[in-house]
Amino acid sequence: MPSYRPSLPPEWYGYPKDAPPPRIVETRVRCLDCNLHVANPNNPEVGMGRCKLGLIGQYPAALHYCRDFVPSKGTP
């Protein structure tokens, strides 16, 4: 890696100057608080549901990191 920008992540090196850098999520979020979460029709409050983007493997109430998180209207 170049030594003149040691604080940037490696994937940013060579990134075009006019394009925004990739979004980095530093806080953990819940699928239930995301606008992309589709609730399970049989058990909408606590069912697994799914993600509109096709992401899998997360429990909706569990905190995790998600780069594609879109806060729903009621999310602080």
PDB file of N, CA and C in Angstrom:
ATOM      1  N   MET A   1       0.835  -1.185   0.000  1.00  0.00           N
ATOM      2  CA  MET A   1       0.000   0.000   0.000  1.00  0.00           C
ATOM      3  C   MET A   1       0.879   1.248   0.000  1.00  0.00           C
ATOM      4  N   PRO A   2       0.400   2.292  -0.648  1.00  0.00           N
ATOM      5  CA  PRO A   2       1.167   3.534  -0.623  1.00  0.00           C
ATOM      6  C   PRO A   2       1.237   4.106   0.785  1.00  0.00           C
ATOM      7  N   SER A   3       2.356   4.725   1.096  1.00  0.00           N
ATOM      8  CA  SER A   3       2.538   5.255   2.443  1.00  0.00           C
ATOM      9  C   SER A   3       1.957   6.652   2.607  1.00  0.00           C
ATOM     10  N   TYR A   4       1.549   7.313   1.538  1.00  0.00           N
ATOM     11  CA  TYR A   4       1.046   8.676   1.668  1.00  0.00           C
ATOM     12  C   TYR A   4      -0.412   8.742   2.112  1.00  0.00           C
ATOM     13  N   ARG A   5      -1.138   7.626   2.130  1.00  0.00           N
ATOM     14  CA  ARG A   5      -2.517   7.596   2.622  1.00  0.00           C
ATOM     15  C   ARG A   5      -2.737   6.371   3.504  1.00  0.00           C
ATOM     16  N   PRO A   6      -2.054   6.287   4.625  1.00  0.00           N
ATOM     17  CA  PRO A   6      -2.150   5.063   5.420  1.00  0.00           C
ATOM     18  C   PRO A   6      -3.490   4.875   6.119  1.00  0.00           C
ATOM     19  N   SER A   7      -4.291   5.942   6.259  1.00  0.00           N
ATOM     20  CA  SER A   7      -5.521   5.808   7.025  1.00  0.00           C
ATOM     21  C   SER A   7      -6.700   5.296   6.197  1.00  0.00           C
ATOM     22  N   LEU A   8      -6.576   5.234   4.887  1.00  0.00           N
ATOM     23  CA  LEU A   8      -7.680   4.771   4.055  1.00  0.00           C
ATOM     24  C   LEU A   8      -7.680   3.251   3.951  1.00  0.00           C
ATOM     25  N   PRO A   9      -8.884   2.652   3.842  1.00  0.00           N
ATOM     26  CA  PRO A   9      -8.940   1.198   3.641  1.00  0.00           C
ATOM     27  C   PRO A   9      -8.314   0.824   2.297  1.00  0.00           C
ATOM     28  N   PRO A  10      -7.765  -0.369   2.184  1.00  0.00           N
ATOM     29  CA  PRO A  10      -7.081  -0.770   0.948  1.00  0.00           C
ATOM     30  C   PRO A  10      -7.976  -0.714  -0.284  1.00  0.00           C
ATOM     31  N   GLU A  11      -9.294  -0.960  -0.137  1.00  0.00           N
ATOM     32  CA  GLU A  11     -10.170  -0.978  -1.310  1.00  0.00           C
ATOM     33  C   GLU A  11     -10.401   0.416  -1.890  1.00  0.00           C
ATOM     34  N   TRP A  12     -10.006   1.465  -1.172  1.00  0.00           N
ATOM     35  CA  TRP A  12     -10.186   2.832  -1.675  1.00  0.00           C
ATOM     36  C   TRP A  12      -9.030   3.286  -2.558  1.00  0.00           C
ATOM     37  N   TYR A  13      -7.894   2.643  -2.493  1.00  0.00           N
ATOM     38  CA  TYR A  13      -6.759   3.049  -3.312  1.00  0.00           C
ATOM     39  C   TYR A  13      -7.087   2.847  -4.782  1.00  0.00           C
ATOM     40  N   GLY A  14      -6.839   3.839  -5.573  1.00  0.00           N
ATOM     41  CA  GLY A  14      -7.147   3.760  -6.992  1.00  0.00           C
ATOM     42  C   GLY A  14      -8.591   4.067  -7.302  1.00  0.00           C
ATOM     43  N   TYR A  15      -9.374   4.455  -6.312  1.00  0.00           N
ATOM     44  CA  TYR A  15     -10.781   4.777  -6.528  1.00  0.00           C
ATOM     45  C   TYR A  15     -10.872   6.087  -7.308  1.00  0.00           C
ATOM     46  N   PRO A  16     -11.775   6.207  -8.280  1.00  0.00           N
ATOM     47  CA  PRO A  16     -11.885   7.464  -9.036  1.00  0.00           C
ATOM     48  C   PRO A  16     -12.173   8.650  -8.116  1.00  0.00           C
ATOM     49  N   LYS A  17     -11.559   9.775  -8.406  1.00  0.00           N
ATOM     50  CA  LYS A  17     -11.690  10.949  -7.549  1.00  0.00           C
ATOM     51  C   LYS A  17     -13.101  11.535  -7.557  1.00  0.00           C
ATOM     52  N   ASP A  18     -13.852  11.387  -8.653  1.00  0.00           N
ATOM     53  CA  ASP A  18     -15.190  11.971  -8.715  1.00  0.00           C
ATOM     54  C   ASP A  18     -16.277  11.053  -8.159  1.00  0.00           C
ATOM     55  N   ALA A  19     -15.962   9.810  -7.902  1.00  0.00           N
ATOM     56  CA  ALA A  19     -16.946   8.863  -7.362  1.00  0.00           C
ATOM     57  C   ALA A  19     -16.872   8.869  -5.836  1.00  0.00           C
ATOM     58  N   PRO A  20     -18.028   8.728  -5.161  1.00  0.00           N
ATOM     59  CA  PRO A  20     -17.983   8.672  -3.698  1.00  0.00           C
ATOM     60  C   PRO A  20     -17.355   7.356  -3.231  1.00  0.00           C
ATOM     61  N   PRO A  21     -16.708   7.358  -2.086  1.00  0.00           N
ATOM     62  CA  PRO A  21     -16.127   6.111  -1.580  1.00  0.00           C
ATOM     63  C   PRO A  21     -17.233   5.142  -1.170  1.00  0.00           C
ATOM     64  N   PRO A  22     -16.943   3.859  -1.092  1.00  0.00           N
ATOM     65  CA  PRO A  22     -17.945   2.884  -0.665  1.00  0.00           C
ATOM     66  C   PRO A  22     -18.441   3.208   0.741  1.00  0.00           C
ATOM     67  N   ARG A  23     -19.698   2.896   0.970  1.00  0.00           N
ATOM     68  CA  ARG A  23     -20.300   3.173   2.274  1.00  0.00           C
ATOM     69  C   ARG A  23     -19.794   2.162   3.302  1.00  0.00           C
ATOM     70  N   ILE A  24     -19.354   2.669   4.440  1.00  0.00           N
ATOM     71  CA  ILE A  24     -18.882   1.805   5.521  1.00  0.00           C
ATOM     72  C   ILE A  24     -19.848   1.939   6.689  1.00  0.00           C
ATOM     73  N   VAL A  25     -20.384   0.818   7.129  1.00  0.00           N
ATOM     74  CA  VAL A  25     -21.321   0.822   8.252  1.00  0.00           C
ATOM     75  C   VAL A  25     -20.538   0.538   9.519  1.00  0.00           C
ATOM     76  N   GLU A  26     -20.610   1.464  10.464  1.00  0.00           N
ATOM     77  CA  GLU A  26     -19.874   1.304  11.704  1.00  0.00           C
ATOM     78  C   GLU A  26     -20.778   0.948  12.874  1.00  0.00           C
ATOM     79  N   THR A  27     -22.084   1.103  12.705  1.00  0.00           N
ATOM     80  CA  THR A  27     -23.006   0.754  13.779  1.00  0.00           C
ATOM     81  C   THR A  27     -23.770  -0.506  13.402  1.00  0.00           C
ATOM     82  N   ARG A  28     -24.179  -1.219  14.422  1.00  0.00           N
ATOM     83  CA  ARG A  28     -24.940  -2.442  14.179  1.00  0.00           C
ATOM     84  C   ARG A  28     -26.418  -2.088  14.051  1.00  0.00           C
ATOM     85  N   VAL A  29     -27.126  -2.789  13.192  1.00  0.00           N
ATOM     86  CA  VAL A  29     -28.526  -2.507  12.891  1.00  0.00           C
ATOM     87  C   VAL A  29     -29.343  -3.793  12.987  1.00  0.00           C
ATOM     88  N   ARG A  30     -30.662  -3.636  12.973  1.00  0.00           N
ATOM     89  CA  ARG A  30     -31.569  -4.785  12.980  1.00  0.00           C
ATOM     90  C   ARG A  30     -32.375  -4.798  11.685  1.00  0.00           C
ATOM     91  N   CYS A  31     -32.625  -5.967  11.139  1.00  0.00           N
ATOM     92  CA  CYS A  31     -33.439  -6.084   9.929  1.00  0.00           C
ATOM     93  C   CYS A  31     -34.841  -5.529  10.166  1.00  0.00           C
ATOM     94  N   LEU A  32     -35.369  -5.697  11.377  1.00  0.00           N
ATOM     95  CA  LEU A  32     -36.712  -5.201  11.675  1.00  0.00           C
ATOM     96  C   LEU A  32     -36.810  -3.686  11.524  1.00  0.00           C
ATOM     97  N   ASP A  33     -35.704  -2.966  11.656  1.00  0.00           N
ATOM     98  CA  ASP A  33     -35.691  -1.511  11.537  1.00  0.00           C
ATOM     99  C   ASP A  33     -35.379  -1.036  10.123  1.00  0.00           C
ATOM    100  N   CYS A  34     -35.267  -1.956   9.196  1.00  0.00           N
ATOM    101  CA  CYS A  34     -34.875  -1.626   7.826  1.00  0.00           C
ATOM    102  C   CYS A  34     -36.090  -1.585   6.909  1.00  0.00           C
ATOM    103  N   ASN A  35     -36.063  -0.642   5.986  1.00  0.00           N
ATOM    104  CA  ASN A  35     -37.144  -0.499   5.019  1.00  0.00           C
ATOM    105  C   ASN A  35     -37.135  -1.630   3.996  1.00  0.00           C
ATOM    106  N   LEU A  36     -36.041  -2.350   3.870  1.00  0.00           N
ATOM    107  CA  LEU A  36     -35.922  -3.447   2.908  1.00  0.00           C
ATOM    108  C   LEU A  36     -36.374  -4.789   3.476  1.00  0.00           C
ATOM    109  N   HIS A  37     -36.711  -4.837   4.755  1.00  0.00           N
ATOM    110  CA  HIS A  37     -37.137  -6.084   5.390  1.00  0.00           C
ATOM    111  C   HIS A  37     -38.601  -6.362   5.053  1.00  0.00           C
ATOM    112  N   VAL A  38     -38.881  -7.564   4.597  1.00  0.00           N
ATOM    113  CA  VAL A  38     -40.249  -8.011   4.316  1.00  0.00           C
ATOM    114  C   VAL A  38     -40.610  -9.023   5.386  1.00  0.00           C
ATOM    115  N   ALA A  39     -41.621  -8.702   6.174  1.00  0.00           N
ATOM    116  CA  ALA A  39     -42.012  -9.578   7.283  1.00  0.00           C
ATOM    117  C   ALA A  39     -42.625 -10.873   6.777  1.00  0.00           C
ATOM    118  N   ASN A  40     -42.515 -11.902   7.589  1.00  0.00           N
ATOM    119  CA  ASN A  40     -43.125 -13.192   7.304  1.00  0.00           C
ATOM    120  C   ASN A  40     -44.648 -13.033   7.410  1.00  0.00           C
ATOM    121  N   PRO A  41     -45.420 -13.375   6.378  1.00  0.00           N
ATOM    122  CA  PRO A  41     -46.868 -13.177   6.438  1.00  0.00           C
ATOM    123  C   PRO A  41     -47.563 -14.028   7.504  1.00  0.00           C
ATOM    124  N   ASN A  42     -46.980 -15.161   7.865  1.00  0.00           N
ATOM    125  CA  ASN A  42     -47.584 -16.024   8.879  1.00  0.00           C
ATOM    126  C   ASN A  42     -47.296 -15.546  10.296  1.00  0.00           C
ATOM    127  N   ASN A  43     -46.204 -14.839  10.501  1.00  0.00           N
ATOM    128  CA  ASN A  43     -45.815 -14.370  11.825  1.00  0.00           C
ATOM    129  C   ASN A  43     -45.056 -13.049  11.658  1.00  0.00           C
ATOM    130  N   PRO A  44     -45.755 -11.953  11.325  1.00  0.00           N
ATOM    131  CA  PRO A  44     -45.073 -10.713  10.957  1.00  0.00           C
ATOM    132  C   PRO A  44     -44.264 -10.055  12.068  1.00  0.00           C
ATOM    133  N   GLU A  45     -44.626 -10.243  13.328  1.00  0.00           N
ATOM    134  CA  GLU A  45     -43.919  -9.550  14.403  1.00  0.00           C
ATOM    135  C   GLU A  45     -42.583 -10.190  14.766  1.00  0.00           C
ATOM    136  N   VAL A  46     -42.506 -11.510  14.735  1.00  0.00           N
ATOM    137  CA  VAL A  46     -41.256 -12.167  15.132  1.00  0.00           C
ATOM    138  C   VAL A  46     -40.775 -13.227  14.149  1.00  0.00           C
ATOM    139  N   GLY A  47     -41.443 -13.352  13.003  1.00  0.00           N
ATOM    140  CA  GLY A  47     -41.018 -14.334  12.009  1.00  0.00           C
ATOM    141  C   GLY A  47     -39.740 -13.908  11.317  1.00  0.00           C
ATOM    142  N   MET A  48     -39.084 -14.827  10.626  1.00  0.00           N
ATOM    143  CA  MET A  48     -37.808 -14.542   9.977  1.00  0.00           C
ATOM    144  C   MET A  48     -37.937 -13.504   8.878  1.00  0.00           C
ATOM    145  N   GLY A  49     -38.951 -13.619   8.040  1.00  0.00           N
ATOM    146  CA  GLY A  49     -39.083 -12.687   6.936  1.00  0.00           C
ATOM    147  C   GLY A  49     -37.939 -12.843   5.951  1.00  0.00           C
ATOM    148  N   ARG A  50     -37.747 -11.798   5.145  1.00  0.00           N
ATOM    149  CA  ARG A  50     -36.672 -11.832   4.154  1.00  0.00           C
ATOM    150  C   ARG A  50     -36.243 -10.416   3.809  1.00  0.00           C
ATOM    151  N   CYS A  51     -35.161 -10.309   3.084  1.00  0.00           N
ATOM    152  CA  CYS A  51     -34.640  -9.020   2.633  1.00  0.00           C
ATOM    153  C   CYS A  51     -34.998  -8.848   1.161  1.00  0.00           C
ATOM    154  N   LYS A  52     -35.437  -7.648   0.783  1.00  0.00           N
ATOM    155  CA  LYS A  52     -35.780  -7.386  -0.613  1.00  0.00           C
ATOM    156  C   LYS A  52     -34.572  -7.506  -1.540  1.00  0.00           C
ATOM    157  N   LEU A  53     -33.372  -7.367  -0.990  1.00  0.00           N
ATOM    158  CA  LEU A  53     -32.155  -7.490  -1.796  1.00  0.00           C
ATOM    159  C   LEU A  53     -31.656  -8.925  -1.897  1.00  0.00           C
ATOM    160  N   GLY A  54     -32.314  -9.846  -1.191  1.00  0.00           N
ATOM    161  CA  GLY A  54     -31.918 -11.246  -1.241  1.00  0.00           C
ATOM    162  C   GLY A  54     -30.841 -11.622  -0.244  1.00  0.00           C
ATOM    163  N   LEU A  55     -30.496 -10.731   0.680  1.00  0.00           N
ATOM    164  CA  LEU A  55     -29.503 -11.059   1.701  1.00  0.00           C
ATOM    165  C   LEU A  55     -30.084 -12.096   2.654  1.00  0.00           C
ATOM    166  N   ILE A  56     -29.280 -13.039   3.070  1.00  0.00           N
ATOM    167  CA  ILE A  56     -29.776 -14.115   3.922  1.00  0.00           C
ATOM    168  C   ILE A  56     -28.872 -14.305   5.129  1.00  0.00           C
ATOM    169  N   GLY A  57     -29.368 -15.082   6.080  1.00  0.00           N
ATOM    170  CA  GLY A  57     -28.533 -15.494   7.200  1.00  0.00           C
ATOM    171  C   GLY A  57     -28.573 -14.600   8.412  1.00  0.00           C
ATOM    172  N   GLN A  58     -29.547 -13.689   8.517  1.00  0.00           N
ATOM    173  CA  GLN A  58     -29.630 -12.811   9.672  1.00  0.00           C
ATOM    174  C   GLN A  58     -30.967 -12.993  10.374  1.00  0.00           C
ATOM    175  N   TYR A  59     -30.934 -13.026  11.698  1.00  0.00           N
ATOM    176  CA  TYR A  59     -32.175 -12.998  12.460  1.00  0.00           C
ATOM    177  C   TYR A  59     -32.658 -11.545  12.493  1.00  0.00           C
ATOM    178  N   PRO A  60     -33.926 -11.266  12.227  1.00  0.00           N
ATOM    179  CA  PRO A  60     -34.388  -9.890  12.083  1.00  0.00           C
ATOM    180  C   PRO A  60     -34.228  -9.027  13.328  1.00  0.00           C
ATOM    181  N   ALA A  61     -34.265  -9.616  14.521  1.00  0.00           N
ATOM    182  CA  ALA A  61     -34.145  -8.825  15.748  1.00  0.00           C
ATOM    183  C   ALA A  61     -32.711  -8.753  16.263  1.00  0.00           C
ATOM    184  N   ALA A  62     -31.796  -9.483  15.645  1.00  0.00           N
ATOM    185  CA  ALA A  62     -30.405  -9.507  16.093  1.00  0.00           C
ATOM    186  C   ALA A  62     -29.634  -8.329  15.504  1.00  0.00           C
ATOM    187  N   LEU A  63     -28.737  -7.761  16.295  1.00  0.00           N
ATOM    188  CA  LEU A  63     -27.890  -6.667  15.814  1.00  0.00           C
ATOM    189  C   LEU A  63     -26.761  -7.234  14.954  1.00  0.00           C
ATOM    190  N   HIS A  64     -26.517  -6.604  13.816  1.00  0.00           N
ATOM    191  CA  HIS A  64     -25.442  -7.011  12.924  1.00  0.00           C
ATOM    192  C   HIS A  64     -25.055  -5.826  12.042  1.00  0.00           C
ATOM    193  N   TYR A  65     -23.982  -5.970  11.294  1.00  0.00           N
ATOM    194  CA  TYR A  65     -23.534  -4.931  10.376  1.00  0.00           C
ATOM    195  C   TYR A  65     -24.148  -5.199   9.009  1.00  0.00           C
ATOM    196  N   CYS A  66     -24.708  -4.136   8.396  1.00  0.00           N
ATOM    197  CA  CYS A  66     -25.294  -4.285   7.061  1.00  0.00           C
ATOM    198  C   CYS A  66     -25.004  -3.027   6.258  1.00  0.00           C
ATOM    199  N   ARG A  67     -24.325  -3.185   5.167  1.00  0.00           N
ATOM    200  CA  ARG A  67     -23.959  -2.065   4.312  1.00  0.00           C
ATOM    201  C   ARG A  67     -25.168  -1.503   3.561  1.00  0.00           C
ATOM    202  N   ASP A  68     -26.218  -2.312   3.375  1.00  0.00           N
ATOM    203  CA  ASP A  68     -27.383  -1.905   2.588  1.00  0.00           C
ATOM    204  C   ASP A  68     -28.559  -1.445   3.442  1.00  0.00           C
ATOM    205  N   PHE A  69     -28.351  -1.202   4.729  1.00  0.00           N
ATOM    206  CA  PHE A  69     -29.423  -0.811   5.645  1.00  0.00           C
ATOM    207  C   PHE A  69     -30.075   0.506   5.212  1.00  0.00           C
ATOM    208  N   VAL A  70     -31.422   0.496   5.148  1.00  0.00           N
ATOM    209  CA  VAL A  70     -32.209   1.687   4.848  1.00  0.00           C
ATOM    210  C   VAL A  70     -33.180   1.865   6.003  1.00  0.00           C
ATOM    211  N   PRO A  71     -33.017   2.895   6.841  1.00  0.00           N
ATOM    212  CA  PRO A  71     -33.877   3.045   8.010  1.00  0.00           C
ATOM    213  C   PRO A  71     -35.342   3.208   7.629  1.00  0.00           C
ATOM    214  N   SER A  72     -36.224   2.519   8.353  1.00  0.00           N
ATOM    215  CA  SER A  72     -37.654   2.704   8.142  1.00  0.00           C
ATOM    216  C   SER A  72     -38.097   3.989   8.841  1.00  0.00           C
ATOM    217  N   LYS A  73     -39.314   4.417   8.617  1.00  0.00           N
ATOM    218  CA  LYS A  73     -39.789   5.700   9.114  1.00  0.00           C
ATOM    219  C   LYS A  73     -39.726   5.814  10.628  1.00  0.00           C
ATOM    220  N   GLY A  74     -39.998   4.747  11.365  1.00  0.00           N
ATOM    221  CA  GLY A  74     -40.023   4.807  12.820  1.00  0.00           C
ATOM    222  C   GLY A  74     -38.676   4.599  13.492  1.00  0.00           C
ATOM    223  N   THR A  75     -37.610   4.387  12.708  1.00  0.00           N
ATOM    224  CA  THR A  75     -36.284   4.125  13.270  1.00  0.00           C
ATOM    225  C   THR A  75     -35.614   5.430  13.703  1.00  0.00           C
ATOM    226  N   PRO A  76     -35.107   5.480  14.944  1.00  0.00           N
ATOM    227  CA  PRO A  76     -34.431   6.720  15.393  1.00  0.00           C
ATOM    228  C   PRO A  76     -33.115   6.949  14.673  1.00  0.00           C
TER     229      PRO A  76
END
